[in-house]
Every structure is written in structure tokens, then in C-alpha cells.
Protein backbone atom coordinates (compact mmCIF):
# COMPACT_ATOMS: atom_id res chain seq x y z
CA MET A 1 -0.12 -0.28 -0.41
CA LYS A 2 2.44 2.94 -1.18
CA LEU A 3 -0.15 5.18 -2.09
CA ASN A 4 -2.52 5.11 1.45
CA GLY A 5 -4.88 7.65 1.42
CA LYS A 6 -3.23 9.76 -1.54
CA ILE A 7 -5.95 11.42 -4.45
CA ALA A 8 -4.73 10.90 -7.90
CA VAL A 9 -5.97 11.42 -11.01
CA VAL A 10 -5.41 9.35 -14.18
CA THR A 11 -6.29 10.76 -17.50
CA GLY A 12 -7.74 8.31 -20.52
CA ALA A 13 -8.22 5.61 -17.69
CA SER A 14 -10.58 3.93 -19.12
CA ARG A 15 -8.88 1.25 -21.18
CA GLY A 16 -5.66 -0.12 -22.08
CA ILE A 17 -2.51 1.26 -20.42
CA GLY A 18 -4.67 3.79 -18.24
CA LYS A 19 -7.15 1.55 -17.26
CA ALA A 20 -3.67 -0.89 -15.74
CA ILE A 21 -2.29 2.59 -14.40
CA ALA A 22 -5.56 3.25 -12.73
CA THR A 23 -5.77 -0.52 -11.12
CA ARG A 24 -2.50 -0.43 -9.78
CA LEU A 25 -2.49 2.96 -8.42
CA ALA A 26 -5.86 1.81 -6.02
CA SER A 27 -4.68 -1.66 -5.21
CA GLU A 28 -1.99 0.80 -3.66
CA GLY A 29 -4.01 2.40 -1.46
CA ALA A 30 -4.75 5.24 -3.68
CA ILE A 31 -8.35 7.06 -4.14
CA VAL A 32 -8.17 7.33 -8.23
CA ALA A 33 -10.37 9.67 -10.41
CA ILE A 34 -10.76 8.32 -13.73
CA ASN A 35 -10.71 10.10 -16.53
CA TYR A 36 -12.47 9.51 -19.79
CA ARG A 37 -13.49 12.18 -22.89
CA GLU A 38 -16.70 10.36 -24.39
CA ASP A 39 -17.63 7.02 -23.77
CA ALA A 40 -18.65 6.71 -19.85
CA LYS A 41 -19.64 3.13 -19.77
CA PRO A 42 -15.89 1.67 -19.48
CA ALA A 43 -15.28 4.29 -17.13
CA GLU A 44 -18.11 3.59 -14.76
CA ALA A 45 -17.49 -0.39 -15.25
CA LEU A 46 -14.23 0.24 -14.11
CA VAL A 47 -15.16 2.15 -11.09
CA SER A 48 -17.50 -0.51 -10.56
CA GLU A 49 -14.71 -2.90 -10.76
CA LEU A 50 -12.55 -1.15 -8.32
CA ASN A 51 -15.48 -0.31 -5.85
CA SER A 52 -16.41 -3.14 -5.40
CA LYS A 53 -12.91 -4.85 -4.48
CA GLY A 54 -13.18 -2.64 -1.94
CA PHE A 55 -10.71 0.41 -3.44
CA LYS A 56 -12.40 3.74 -3.61
CA ALA A 57 -12.18 5.69 -7.45
CA GLU A 58 -15.14 7.82 -9.36
CA ALA A 59 -15.23 8.69 -12.76
CA PHE A 60 -14.66 11.89 -14.00
CA ARG A 61 -15.74 13.06 -17.86
CA ALA A 62 -13.05 15.90 -19.66
CA ASP A 63 -11.66 16.77 -22.66
CA VAL A 64 -7.55 17.10 -22.40
CA SER A 65 -7.10 18.42 -25.70
CA LYS A 66 -9.56 21.29 -24.65
CA PRO A 67 -7.46 23.57 -21.53
CA THR A 68 -10.62 24.97 -19.76
CA GLU A 69 -11.65 21.39 -19.31
CA CYS A 70 -8.01 20.29 -17.84
CA HIS A 71 -8.30 23.41 -15.34
CA THR A 72 -12.43 21.62 -14.55
CA LEU A 73 -11.16 18.32 -14.32
CA LEU A 74 -8.53 19.27 -11.67
CA ASP A 75 -10.72 21.87 -9.69
CA ASP A 76 -14.02 18.94 -9.16
CA VAL A 77 -11.65 16.35 -8.13
CA ALA A 78 -10.33 18.75 -5.71
CA LYS A 79 -13.69 19.66 -4.62
CA THR A 80 -14.51 16.58 -4.61
CA PHE A 81 -11.93 14.97 -2.58
CA GLY A 82 -10.53 17.46 -0.45
CA ARG A 83 -6.55 18.10 -2.27
CA VAL A 84 -5.04 16.08 -5.28
CA ASP A 85 -1.67 14.47 -4.60
CA ILE A 86 -0.74 12.48 -7.71
CA LEU A 87 -1.50 13.34 -11.57
CA VAL A 88 -0.47 10.10 -14.60
CA SER A 89 -1.41 11.68 -17.90
CA ASN A 90 -1.99 9.38 -20.05
CA ALA A 91 -4.42 10.42 -22.20
CA GLY A 92 -2.64 10.51 -26.27
CA ILE A 93 -3.86 9.24 -29.22
CA GLU A 94 -1.78 7.63 -32.61
CA HIS A 95 -1.08 8.81 -36.14
CA PHE A 96 0.45 7.40 -39.40
CA GLY A 97 1.61 9.39 -42.34
CA LYS A 98 3.00 9.96 -45.27
CA LEU A 99 4.70 13.39 -45.09
CA GLU A 100 2.90 14.99 -48.05
CA GLU A 101 -0.45 13.43 -46.72
CA ILE A 102 0.04 15.07 -43.04
CA THR A 103 -2.10 18.28 -42.70
CA ALA A 104 -2.77 21.00 -40.50
CA GLN A 105 -5.86 19.69 -39.04
CA ASP A 106 -3.87 16.66 -38.47
CA PHE A 107 -1.35 18.34 -36.34
CA GLU A 108 -3.50 20.17 -34.05
CA ARG A 109 -5.36 16.94 -33.83
CA VAL A 110 -2.23 15.11 -33.14
CA PHE A 111 -0.61 17.63 -30.58
CA SER A 112 -3.75 19.14 -29.14
CA VAL A 113 -3.79 15.68 -27.12
CA ASN A 114 -0.36 14.46 -27.13
CA VAL A 115 1.45 17.80 -26.15
CA ALA A 116 -1.30 20.50 -24.66
CA GLY A 117 -2.93 18.08 -23.50
CA GLN A 118 -0.04 16.74 -20.96
CA LEU A 119 0.85 20.90 -20.51
CA PHE A 120 -2.30 22.27 -19.56
CA VAL A 121 -3.44 19.40 -17.44
CA THR A 122 0.09 19.07 -15.46
CA GLN A 123 -0.81 23.05 -15.22
CA ALA A 124 -3.97 22.36 -14.21
CA ALA A 125 -2.79 20.39 -11.23
CA SER A 126 0.03 22.13 -10.17
CA ARG A 127 -2.42 24.60 -8.73
CA TYR A 128 -3.40 22.09 -6.44
CA LEU A 129 -0.54 19.47 -6.01
CA PRO A 130 1.48 19.91 -2.45
CA SER A 131 5.07 19.55 -1.38
CA GLY A 132 5.71 15.60 -2.30
CA GLY A 133 3.02 15.85 -5.57
CA ARG A 134 3.84 13.48 -8.51
CA ILE A 135 3.32 14.35 -12.29
CA VAL A 136 3.80 11.27 -14.79
CA LEU A 137 3.54 12.59 -18.09
CA THR A 138 3.43 9.68 -21.17
CA SER A 139 5.98 9.91 -23.98
CA SER A 140 7.18 7.00 -26.11
CA VAL A 141 10.53 4.78 -27.63
CA SER A 142 9.05 6.58 -30.98
CA ALA A 143 10.60 9.64 -29.70
CA GLN A 144 13.93 7.86 -29.64
CA ILE A 145 13.78 5.60 -32.36
CA SER A 146 12.67 5.64 -36.89
CA ILE A 147 9.25 4.39 -38.10
CA PHE A 148 8.21 4.74 -41.39
CA HIS A 149 5.71 7.28 -41.13
CA HIS A 150 5.07 8.09 -38.32
CA THR A 151 6.43 11.38 -37.90
CA LEU A 152 3.74 14.07 -36.17
CA TYR A 153 3.48 11.24 -33.50
CA ALA A 154 6.81 10.78 -32.92
CA ALA A 155 7.26 14.27 -32.52
CA SER A 156 4.54 14.84 -29.81
CA LYS A 157 6.40 12.66 -28.18
CA ALA A 158 10.04 14.42 -28.23
CA ALA A 159 7.90 16.98 -26.80
CA VAL A 160 6.77 15.41 -23.73
CA SER A 161 10.29 14.46 -22.96
CA ALA A 162 11.21 17.74 -23.15
CA MET A 163 8.51 19.27 -21.67
CA VAL A 164 9.50 17.24 -18.29
CA LEU A 165 12.96 18.01 -18.54
CA ASN A 166 12.24 21.01 -18.51
CA LEU A 167 9.34 21.31 -15.99
CA ALA A 168 11.76 19.31 -13.32
CA PRO A 169 13.59 22.78 -12.01
CA GLU A 170 9.94 25.31 -11.82
CA LEU A 171 7.83 22.32 -9.70
CA GLY A 172 11.37 20.77 -8.44
CA GLU A 173 11.06 24.43 -6.02
CA ARG A 174 7.98 23.27 -4.70
CA GLY A 175 8.88 19.69 -3.94
CA ILE A 176 6.98 18.16 -7.06
CA THR A 177 8.19 15.47 -9.13
CA ILE A 178 7.61 15.34 -12.75
CA ASN A 179 8.74 12.63 -15.46
CA ALA A 180 7.47 10.64 -17.94
CA ILE A 181 7.46 7.26 -18.65
CA ALA A 182 8.57 5.79 -22.92
CA PRO A 183 6.77 2.87 -23.52
CA GLY A 184 7.70 -0.02 -26.22
CA GLY A 185 5.11 -2.34 -27.64
CA THR A 186 2.25 -2.77 -25.61
CA ALA A 187 -0.47 -5.34 -25.86
CA THR A 188 -3.51 -3.04 -25.83
CA ASP A 189 -5.53 -2.64 -28.43
CA MET A 190 -4.66 0.27 -30.05
CA ALA A 191 -1.76 -1.74 -30.59
CA LYS A 192 -3.65 -4.52 -32.45
CA GLU A 193 -5.17 -1.49 -34.77
CA ASN A 194 -1.94 0.25 -35.85
CA GLY A 195 0.84 -2.57 -35.04
CA LYS A 196 1.33 -3.35 -38.12
CA LEU A 197 1.59 0.09 -39.21
CA TYR A 198 5.03 0.47 -36.83
CA THR A 199 6.67 -2.66 -39.41
CA HIS A 200 8.37 -0.53 -42.75
CA PRO A 201 6.15 -1.98 -46.00
CA ALA A 202 9.12 -4.05 -46.36
CA LEU A 203 8.86 -6.40 -43.72
CA GLN A 204 5.73 -6.68 -43.57
CA ASN A 205 5.65 -10.46 -44.44
CA VAL A 206 7.59 -10.92 -41.43
CA SER A 207 6.20 -12.44 -38.73
CA LEU A 208 4.67 -11.05 -35.46
CA GLU A 209 7.10 -13.15 -33.48
CA ALA A 210 10.81 -12.24 -35.66
CA LEU A 211 9.72 -9.27 -35.51
CA LEU A 212 9.92 -9.09 -31.60
CA LYS A 213 12.76 -10.90 -31.38
CA SER A 214 14.91 -8.63 -33.47
CA LYS A 215 13.43 -5.24 -31.97
CA ALA A 216 13.28 -6.11 -28.14
CA SER A 217 15.62 -8.26 -25.95
CA LEU A 218 12.71 -9.66 -23.62
CA GLN A 219 11.36 -10.32 -27.43
CA ARG A 220 7.87 -10.07 -26.36
CA LEU A 221 5.07 -7.84 -25.81
CA ALA A 222 5.00 -4.86 -22.66
CA GLN A 223 1.51 -6.02 -20.87
CA PRO A 224 -0.54 -2.82 -19.69
CA GLU A 225 0.73 -3.42 -16.03
CA GLU A 226 4.21 -3.89 -16.31
CA ILE A 227 3.73 -0.29 -17.90
CA ALA A 228 1.58 0.61 -14.77
CA ALA A 229 3.97 -1.09 -12.53
CA ALA A 230 6.98 1.97 -14.03
CA VAL A 231 4.54 4.42 -13.24
CA THR A 232 3.74 2.88 -9.54
CA PHE A 233 7.64 3.25 -9.24
CA LEU A 234 7.61 7.35 -10.26
CA VAL A 235 4.72 8.47 -8.39
CA SER A 236 5.79 7.15 -4.86
CA ASP A 237 8.63 7.69 -2.17
CA ASP A 238 10.97 5.01 -3.73
CA ALA A 239 11.21 7.72 -6.48
CA SER A 240 11.78 10.92 -4.63
CA TYR A 241 14.95 11.68 -5.61
CA VAL A 242 13.54 11.15 -9.55
CA THR A 243 12.67 14.11 -11.36
CA GLY A 244 12.76 15.04 -15.07
CA SER A 245 14.01 11.82 -16.69
CA THR A 246 12.04 9.91 -19.26
CA LEU A 247 11.61 6.23 -18.10
CA ALA A 248 12.06 3.56 -21.31
CA VAL A 249 9.55 1.02 -19.98
CA ASP A 250 10.66 -0.69 -23.79
CA GLY A 251 11.63 -4.27 -23.34
CA GLY A 252 15.77 -3.30 -24.10
CA ARG A 253 14.80 -1.73 -27.48
CA LEU A 254 16.95 -3.14 -29.83
């Protein structure tokens, strides 16, 4: 129970990695605010599941691509639970596209969620976080590797790593740490939808097993719970002297 009594906000928490993070934080004793954008059913189902196990959770709707809603989300959580101790910014969207096909609308859509959304939810949380508060944003190994037609998404995730590096001294003056995780390939619905796109067209006929052996030291995809374990470390007292870092959780990317 590393997080007993802490109030944690997890954005994009109704499925995939976000769901695993919310579940792990709750199991460690945190009271979890589960953020979703549109579909309330998965979020409410997760709340019911966690509450039935004796954990504490509540769902909060907000579109983090809109700065005003980021602030409303944190205001609502603070009003409901009395304070905020932890922010995990997990909400994000994927994008693949050729250079000549990228539009201004694509740029706005990806950066409004993956960059602006994480910046402004951090800004909103910083008004409430006490000394000892924890912030974890979501970058990606894509920011450090070359993937065909992945420029826009990779650029957005690289911006997140730059963000935590530069916010660390500012928030450090108040005793707040800020870090990011950079997951590798993870077994989620999003991975099923986009997994093939991560492979160069010349390798489309190579088996997934062979590709994993060539790209990851551990030769497999991560499970969402393994990403959640890394987040739990970063928001716990065990990481009290870690800030401004992007932690790769990628199975030893080759």
C-alpha cells in the first residue's frame, strides 16, 4: 500500500494502459479519479470493478485537448476529494501518415492531445499538488527511434520528454517531481489496431514473433500492468529523488 490515502488523477483511464495504471494505483491504496473523454460506460465499469474490490475510484469526464476542461477536471477532483497528490497524464492519440499527406488539421489534432493536453493538465494539477506531489506524463520510445510514416506522433512524444526535463526545476522549487514514461510495444487494443503500421513496408510479411525478437531484448510485447508498475514507482516515495527523466519501459529496445 505505497500510496495509501493519496488522491490520484489518471487521464485516459478507461482502457488499455490507463486502465492498468488506475487499477494498480488503487490497489496500492490511492483514491483514483478516472478520466474519460466521451464514452462513460468503460469508465463507470472500471469504477464499479474497483469499488467492488474495496478500492476507491470515481469517474470524471473531460476532454484534455481543451485547456479549460483540464482545469475543470482538476477543480472537480479537488472539490470531490479535498486535494490532489498525483497526476498521471496518460491520454493520447496515434497517428501514421506520409509527409505529403499530413494536414494542419492532423497536426492540431495530435498536438492538442499529446502535447497541449499534457501541458495544460499539468498546469491545472500544479495549482493543487503539495510538496511531495508527483506528476507522470506519457512519452514513447517512438521519440527515440525511426519508424516509417510516424513523424507527427513521434514529434509530439519527443515534446513531452522535453517538457518534463524543463519543468523539473520549476516544479522542484515546490518539492514536486515530474517524469515521463516511454512505453515500447504494449499489448492493448491500440496496438492491435496499429501494430502493423509500426513495421516498415518491406517487412510486412515477417512474422510478429520474428519482429519482436529483432526489436526487443525480452522478445515480446509489454503487458499494460508492466507499464503501470513503472508508473507506480515514479509516483511513490521510492522515486523521491527522480525528476525530469523519461523512463523507457520497452523490454530493452534494440
